[in-house]
C-alpha atoms as a PDB file:
ATOM      1  CA  MET A   1      -0.046  -0.069   0.049  1.00  0.00           C
ATOM      2  CA  LYS A   2       1.398   3.359  -0.962  1.00  0.00           C
ATOM      3  CA  LYS A   3       2.027   5.778   1.817  1.00  0.00           C
ATOM      4  CA  LEU A   4      -0.214   9.102   1.686  1.00  0.00           C
ATOM      5  CA  ASN A   5       1.764  12.210   1.265  1.00  0.00           C
ATOM      6  CA  SER A   6       1.929  14.458   4.214  1.00  0.00           C
ATOM      7  CA  THR A   7      -0.347  17.213   3.083  1.00  0.00           C
ATOM      8  CA  TRP A   8      -2.825  19.395   4.883  1.00  0.00           C
ATOM      9  CA  TYR A   9      -5.660  17.850   2.791  1.00  0.00           C
ATOM     10  CA  ASN A  10      -4.534  14.211   3.639  1.00  0.00           C
ATOM     11  CA  MET A  11      -4.068  14.948   7.295  1.00  0.00           C
ATOM     12  CA  ALA A  12      -7.612  16.539   7.521  1.00  0.00           C
ATOM     13  CA  LEU A  13      -9.128  13.701   5.825  1.00  0.00           C
ATOM     14  CA  VAL A  14      -7.581  11.047   8.084  1.00  0.00           C
ATOM     15  CA  LEU A  15      -8.249  13.032  11.097  1.00  0.00           C
ATOM     16  CA  THR A  16     -11.971  13.467  10.033  1.00  0.00           C
ATOM     17  CA  GLY A  17     -12.327   9.776   9.485  1.00  0.00           C
ATOM     18  CA  ILE A  18     -10.893   9.041  12.787  1.00  0.00           C
ATOM     19  CA  ALA A  19     -13.268  11.462  14.379  1.00  0.00           C
ATOM     20  CA  VAL A  20     -16.315  10.007  12.688  1.00  0.00           C
ATOM     21  CA  VAL A  21     -15.446   6.272  13.644  1.00  0.00           C
ATOM     22  CA  ALA A  22     -14.819   7.408  17.251  1.00  0.00           C
ATOM     23  CA  GLY A  23     -18.008   9.454  17.370  1.00  0.00           C
ATOM     24  CA  ALA A  24     -20.000   6.634  16.068  1.00  0.00           C
ATOM     25  CA  ALA A  25     -18.384   4.115  18.618  1.00  0.00           C
ATOM     26  CA  LEU A  26     -19.164   6.589  21.377  1.00  0.00           C
ATOM     27  CA  GLY A  27     -22.766   6.981  20.219  1.00  0.00           C
ATOM     28  CA  TYR A  28     -23.273   3.243  19.923  1.00  0.00           C
ATOM     29  CA  VAL A  29     -21.853   2.630  23.547  1.00  0.00           C
ATOM     30  CA  ASN A  30     -24.003   5.535  24.845  1.00  0.00           C
ATOM     31  CA  SER A  31     -27.121   3.997  23.339  1.00  0.00           C
ATOM     32  CA  ILE A  32     -26.366   0.614  25.020  1.00  0.00           C
ATOM     33  CA  THR A  33     -25.556   1.919  28.422  1.00  0.00           C
ATOM     34  CA  ALA A  34     -28.063   4.875  28.766  1.00  0.00           C
ATOM     35  CA  PRO A  35     -31.029   2.729  29.975  1.00  0.00           C
ATOM     36  CA  THR A  36     -28.907   1.087  32.601  1.00  0.00           C
ATOM     37  CA  ILE A  37     -27.489   4.432  33.840  1.00  0.00           C
ATOM     38  CA  GLU A  38     -31.082   5.856  34.039  1.00  0.00           C
ATOM     39  CA  ALA A  39     -32.347   2.806  35.875  1.00  0.00           C
ATOM     40  CA  LEU A  40     -29.457   3.191  38.399  1.00  0.00           C
ATOM     41  CA  LYS A  41     -30.216   6.826  38.874  1.00  0.00           C
ATOM     42  CA  VAL A  42     -33.863   5.969  39.769  1.00  0.00           C
ATOM     43  CA  GLN A  43     -32.713   3.349  42.143  1.00  0.00           C
ATOM     44  CA  GLN A  44     -30.302   5.726  43.773  1.00  0.00           C
ATOM     45  CA  GLU A  45     -33.023   8.365  44.157  1.00  0.00           C
ATOM     46  CA  LYS A  46     -35.240   5.786  45.777  1.00  0.00           C
ATOM     47  CA  GLU A  47     -32.757   4.781  48.125  1.00  0.00           C
ATOM     48  CA  ALA A  48     -31.949   8.387  49.039  1.00  0.00           C
ATOM     49  CA  GLU A  49     -35.564   9.093  49.740  1.00  0.00           C
ATOM     50  CA  GLN A  50     -35.669   6.395  52.275  1.00  0.00           C
ATOM     51  CA  GLN A  51     -32.288   7.330  53.868  1.00  0.00           C
ATOM     52  CA  VAL A  52     -33.204  11.091  54.144  1.00  0.00           C
ATOM     53  CA  LEU A  53     -36.551  10.212  55.910  1.00  0.00           C
ATOM     54  CA  ASN A  54     -34.939   7.594  58.195  1.00  0.00           C
ATOM     55  CA  GLY A  55     -38.362   6.058  58.787  1.00  0.00           C
ATOM     56  CA  GLN A  56     -39.856   9.321  59.920  1.00  0.00           C
ATOM     57  CA  GLU A  57     -42.990  10.861  58.671  1.00  0.00           C
ATOM     58  CA  GLY A  58     -41.943  13.550  56.165  1.00  0.00           C
ATOM     59  CA  THR A  59     -41.336  14.445  52.469  1.00  0.00           C
ATOM     60  CA  ALA A  60     -38.307  13.732  50.255  1.00  0.00           C
ATOM     61  CA  ILE A  61     -37.625  16.497  47.848  1.00  0.00           C
ATOM     62  CA  LYS A  62     -34.865  16.493  45.208  1.00  0.00           C
ATOM     63  CA  ILE A  63     -33.389  20.027  44.466  1.00  0.00           C
ATOM     64  CA  THR A  64     -30.684  21.242  42.065  1.00  0.00           C
ATOM     65  CA  ASP A  65     -28.731  24.397  42.446  1.00  0.00           C
ATOM     66  CA  PRO A  66     -26.792  25.180  39.431  1.00  0.00           C
ATOM     67  CA  LYS A  67     -24.428  27.588  41.134  1.00  0.00           C
ATOM     68  CA  GLY A  68     -22.073  25.427  43.047  1.00  0.00           C
ATOM     69  CA  PHE A  69     -18.323  26.098  42.819  1.00  0.00           C
ATOM     70  CA  GLY A  70     -17.776  23.231  40.323  1.00  0.00           C
ATOM     71  CA  GLY A  71     -21.268  23.369  38.714  1.00  0.00           C
ATOM     72  CA  ALA A  72     -24.589  21.983  39.694  1.00  0.00           C
ATOM     73  CA  LEU A  73     -25.349  20.544  43.058  1.00  0.00           C
ATOM     74  CA  THR A  74     -28.190  18.061  43.320  1.00  0.00           C
ATOM     75  CA  VAL A  75     -29.458  17.135  46.922  1.00  0.00           C
ATOM     76  CA  MET A  76     -32.236  14.946  48.176  1.00  0.00           C
ATOM     77  CA  VAL A  77     -33.754  16.585  51.209  1.00  0.00           C
ATOM     78  CA  GLY A  78     -35.963  15.024  53.869  1.00  0.00           C
ATOM     79  CA  LEU A  79     -38.256  17.412  55.589  1.00  0.00           C
ATOM     80  CA  ALA A  80     -40.765  16.953  58.248  1.00  0.00           C
ATOM     81  CA  GLN A  81     -44.240  18.778  57.464  1.00  0.00           C
ATOM     82  CA  ASP A  82     -43.250  21.561  59.895  1.00  0.00           C
ATOM     83  CA  GLY A  83     -39.977  22.150  57.783  1.00  0.00           C
ATOM     84  CA  THR A  84     -37.600  20.419  60.231  1.00  0.00           C
ATOM     85  CA  ILE A  85     -34.648  18.895  58.504  1.00  0.00           C
ATOM     86  CA  LEU A  86     -34.671  15.090  58.903  1.00  0.00           C
ATOM     87  CA  GLY A  87     -31.804  14.341  56.602  1.00  0.00           C
ATOM     88  CA  TYR A  88     -30.084  14.826  53.233  1.00  0.00           C
ATOM     89  CA  LYS A  89     -28.118  13.065  50.650  1.00  0.00           C
ATOM     90  CA  VAL A  90     -25.996  14.629  47.919  1.00  0.00           C
ATOM     91  CA  LEU A  91     -26.882  12.927  44.642  1.00  0.00           C
ATOM     92  CA  GLU A  92     -24.769  14.796  42.090  1.00  0.00           C
ATOM     93  CA  SER A  93     -21.841  17.151  42.591  1.00  0.00           C
ATOM     94  CA  SER A  94     -18.992  18.585  40.498  1.00  0.00           C
ATOM     95  CA  GLU A  95     -17.303  20.041  43.571  1.00  0.00           C
ATOM     96  CA  THR A  96     -13.619  19.879  44.304  1.00  0.00           C
ATOM     97  CA  PRO A  97     -12.668  16.469  45.908  1.00  0.00           C
ATOM     98  CA  GLY A  98     -11.489  16.997  49.376  1.00  0.00           C
ATOM     99  CA  LEU A  99     -13.030  20.496  49.654  1.00  0.00           C
ATOM    100  CA  GLY A 100     -16.638  20.917  48.344  1.00  0.00           C
ATOM    101  CA  ALA A 101     -17.195  17.355  48.045  1.00  0.00           C
ATOM    102  CA  LYS A 102     -17.280  17.278  51.764  1.00  0.00           C
ATOM    103  CA  ALA A 103     -20.798  18.462  51.653  1.00  0.00           C
ATOM    104  CA  GLN A 104     -22.044  14.800  51.973  1.00  0.00           C
ATOM    105  CA  ASP A 105     -20.693  14.640  55.463  1.00  0.00           C
ATOM    106  CA  TRP A 106     -20.143  18.119  56.785  1.00  0.00           C
ATOM    107  CA  PHE A 107     -23.798  18.993  57.504  1.00  0.00           C
ATOM    108  CA  GLN A 108     -24.777  15.665  58.952  1.00  0.00           C
ATOM    109  CA  LYS A 109     -25.781  15.027  62.635  1.00  0.00           C
ATOM    110  CA  GLY A 110     -22.912  15.622  65.027  1.00  0.00           C
ATOM    111  CA  GLN A 111     -20.520  17.318  62.326  1.00  0.00           C
ATOM    112  CA  LYS A 112     -19.421  20.802  62.376  1.00  0.00           C
ATOM    113  CA  GLY A 113     -22.062  22.142  60.163  1.00  0.00           C
ATOM    114  CA  ASP A 114     -24.941  20.063  61.473  1.00  0.00           C
ATOM    115  CA  ILE A 115     -28.267  21.089  60.200  1.00  0.00           C
ATOM    116  CA  ILE A 116     -30.259  17.911  61.029  1.00  0.00           C
ATOM    117  CA  GLY A 117     -33.203  18.872  63.318  1.00  0.00           C
ATOM    118  CA  LYS A 118     -32.891  22.561  62.364  1.00  0.00           C
ATOM    119  CA  GLN A 119     -35.818  24.480  60.715  1.00  0.00           C
ATOM    120  CA  ALA A 120     -35.163  24.776  56.937  1.00  0.00           C
ATOM    121  CA  GLY A 121     -36.187  28.070  55.018  1.00  0.00           C
ATOM    122  CA  ASN A 122     -33.709  30.660  56.061  1.00  0.00           C
ATOM    123  CA  LEU A 123     -30.432  28.809  56.621  1.00  0.00           C
ATOM    124  CA  THR A 124     -27.189  30.619  55.886  1.00  0.00           C
ATOM    125  CA  VAL A 125     -23.571  30.232  56.525  1.00  0.00           C
ATOM    126  CA  SER A 126     -21.926  32.056  59.360  1.00  0.00           C
ATOM    127  CA  LYS A 127     -19.823  34.140  56.940  1.00  0.00           C
ATOM    128  CA  ASP A 128     -23.173  35.608  55.710  1.00  0.00           C
ATOM    129  CA  GLY A 129     -24.571  36.222  59.235  1.00  0.00           C
ATOM    130  CA  GLY A 130     -26.038  32.902  59.588  1.00  0.00           C
ATOM    131  CA  GLU A 131     -25.649  30.010  62.063  1.00  0.00           C
ATOM    132  CA  VAL A 132     -24.327  27.336  59.951  1.00  0.00           C
ATOM    133  CA  ASP A 133     -20.496  26.723  59.782  1.00  0.00           C
ATOM    134  CA  ALA A 134     -19.462  26.635  56.002  1.00  0.00           C
ATOM    135  CA  ILE A 135     -17.121  23.984  54.837  1.00  0.00           C
ATOM    136  CA  THR A 136     -13.625  25.088  55.289  1.00  0.00           C
ATOM    137  CA  ALA A 137     -12.391  26.917  52.012  1.00  0.00           C
ATOM    138  CA  SER A 138     -15.639  26.007  50.260  1.00  0.00           C
ATOM    139  CA  THR A 139     -18.139  28.753  51.080  1.00  0.00           C
ATOM    140  CA  ILE A 140     -19.485  28.757  47.572  1.00  0.00           C
ATOM    141  CA  THR A 141     -20.275  25.112  47.934  1.00  0.00           C
ATOM    142  CA  SER A 142     -21.853  25.657  51.301  1.00  0.00           C
ATOM    143  CA  ARG A 143     -23.982  28.365  50.056  1.00  0.00           C
ATOM    144  CA  ALA A 144     -25.215  26.361  47.043  1.00  0.00           C
ATOM    145  CA  PHE A 145     -25.915  23.471  49.575  1.00  0.00           C
ATOM    146  CA  LEU A 146     -27.951  25.652  51.795  1.00  0.00           C
ATOM    147  CA  ARG A 147     -29.956  27.195  48.913  1.00  0.00           C
ATOM    148  CA  CYS A 148     -30.909  23.493  48.125  1.00  0.00           C
ATOM    149  CA  ILE A 149     -32.167  22.995  51.575  1.00  0.00           C
ATOM    150  CA  ASN A 150     -34.035  26.281  51.633  1.00  0.00           C
ATOM    151  CA  GLU A 151     -35.468  25.629  48.147  1.00  0.00           C
ATOM    152  CA  ALA A 152     -36.674  22.326  49.306  1.00  0.00           C
ATOM    153  CA  TYR A 153     -38.594  24.011  52.143  1.00  0.00           C
ATOM    154  CA  LYS A 154     -39.993  26.480  49.695  1.00  0.00           C
ATOM    155  CA  THR A 155     -41.304  23.661  47.630  1.00  0.00           C
ATOM    156  CA  LEU A 156     -42.717  21.840  50.627  1.00  0.00           C
ATOM    157  CA  SER A 157     -44.575  24.923  51.700  1.00  0.00           C
ATOM    158  CA  GLU A 158     -46.043  25.562  48.195  1.00  0.00           C
ATOM    159  CA  SER A 159     -47.233  21.963  48.045  1.00  0.00           C
ATOM    160  CA  SER A 160     -48.910  22.316  51.464  1.00  0.00           C
ATOM    161  CA  ASP A 161     -50.405  25.617  50.194  1.00  0.00           C
ATOM    162  CA  ALA A 162     -51.743  23.968  47.107  1.00  0.00           C
ATOM    163  CA  GLN A 163     -53.140  21.059  49.097  1.00  0.00           C
ATOM    164  CA  SER A 164     -54.962  23.443  51.519  1.00  0.00           C
ATOM    165  CA  GLY A 165     -56.613  25.359  48.836  1.00  0.00           C
ATOM    166  CA  ALA A 166     -54.182  28.281  48.563  1.00  0.00           C
ATOM    167  CA  SER A 167     -52.987  29.577  45.314  1.00  0.00           C
ATOM    168  CA  PRO A 168     -49.879  27.403  44.242  1.00  0.00           C
ATOM    169  CA  GLN A 169     -46.896  29.066  42.770  1.00  0.00           C
ATOM    170  CA  ALA A 170     -45.120  27.502  39.727  1.00  0.00           C
ATOM    171  CA  GLY A 171     -42.572  24.924  40.670  1.00  0.00           C
ATOM    172  CA  LYS A 172     -39.148  24.683  39.392  1.00  0.00           C
ATOM    173  CA  PRO A 173     -38.419  21.929  36.841  1.00  0.00           C
ATOM    174  CA  ASN A 174     -35.546  20.237  38.898  1.00  0.00           C
ATOM    175  CA  ASN A 175     -37.873  19.946  42.112  1.00  0.00           C
ATOM    176  CA  ASN A 176     -39.544  16.605  42.747  1.00  0.00           C
ATOM    177  CA  ILE A 177     -41.830  15.676  45.502  1.00  0.00           C
END
């Protein structure tokens, strides 16, 4: 087989061919794995709902805040009907490992930023005048996390208002009750 001349045209042609083959392979693999990934996400959310309620009477609400330090932060929040925080689980996070990724544990019962048992709705970090200790060197992540908790309370309140006959407000697309 004759070797191709090293021209811009030939290099572009070969590179385009490689990109097309690689793209097709990735698309094929994605089409095979997408249903399994979606099923695992649904299972993870169901397990998170049980975990955040911890056998108590309440509501589990999934909230996404797009303004975390590394991108969107998705949290499943368990709330009692009066807005008391029963538990939480971080479902998705793009936060810095070792810093912002600590949100999964930082705000749990007995930890430095413990929010379990507190009233949701107006939680803020101490740096902003609130009573919750932010994750060390991760104030932006801590703010995004607390916005998720507060938004979950807002969603719960709107749901309660709608059930009691008050005029409901439009919900956010990422919120699930």
